[in-house]
Amino acid sequence: MTKFQEIIQAIDGAENIVITAHKSPDGDSIGSSMGIYHYLRWKNKKVQICHPDPFPNFLSWVPEVDQVLNFEENEEQIVHAMAKADLIFALDYNHPSRIGDSMASLLEGKRNKTVMIDHHLNPADFAYISLSQPEVCSTAQLVYELIVADNKEFLNASMGEPLYLGIMTDTGSFRFNSVTPRTHEILASLLEVGVNHTAIHEAVFGQNSLDQLRLRSYAICNKLEIIENGKVAILSLSEQELNDYNYIKGDTEGLVNVALSIAGVKLAVFLQEKDGKVKISFRSKEEQVVNQLAADQFEGGGHAYASGGINFDSLEPTIAKLKKVLHTYVI
């Protein structure tokens, strides 16, 4: 029996299903959550999506995304849903810590009800079924494979739109080396069931606010540093700078990739100060990897070429720490 068949069997035996995904929702966590949500609804299951925090504004267009409960605003409902669930999906994360302490505590003692579907390295052993394929470009692609392993005739545009979103965003619009011929076969099948790929791209990338563009312009013009003989680019924004440009969640999405696009740069870092801590995004290309840097120095990790981390200090000491350790990791 394959992992997909095991998961289908678990779904068929369940009545109340909860879908969880990591903190700081992105296109893949929302896309895979909504894709599997519509699939489970198609199978007449009672389903609730429970995320740790709100999704960013640029994903508000996703059909029925208002069905997602977030723990910051719906704690009581999520506690009830998790207690009642006879099956819990852990999507797009490889360790309970990725959903925050409060929600992770709700997973304790529920190993025999938890199914993990993820594509990150080094998964923790917290689910009785673990579908972990780091070589696959996105969790959304794995959810697609689950649906068609059950019955390809189930697939429709309601499932396909969020799955396309997840694949598109986690592959940098299909340009990362995680994209394979199979990925393009899946994209073709999603278009065949009515997914409007142009509309999805426009909704994600073509709806910038004036404040957002001004913030990004400010960061590039005033906060960009190129170091390590031109191999490393650092962008940073303080909490005050974010406030000056009326920052809302999602406004800096993809900014680290702008830094990585500079000729000669192999490693880009974006640091964002908010609520007494600094969130850090690492991106790299060619032979340069970043997941070890994120894990060793900033309590993070992720993919070889795309990772995240955090530092519980203000912005300037965090940048100083980064610069001090960078030479150890730069090739």
Foldseek 3Di string as FASTA:
>chain_A
DDLLVVVVVLLVPWAQEEEEEFPADDLQSLLQRQLVVLLSVLVVHHYAYEAADDYFPLPPPQPPSVSYHHCVVPVVVVLVSLVPTQAYEYEADQDLCRRPDVVSVSLPPVQDRYEYQHQWPDHDNRHPRYNYHVLAQGSLVVSLVSSVVVPPVSDAQSSLQSSLSGNCQSCVNVPRPSDDPVNVVSVVVSVVRPHDNVVSCCSNPVDADPLLVVLLVCQVVPAWDADPVRAEIETEDFPVSCVVSPHTRPSCPPSQVVRCPPPNHFKYKYWYHDDQKIKIKIFGDDPAFCQVVQVPPFVKGTDRGIIIGMGRHGDPVVVVSCVVCVVVRDD
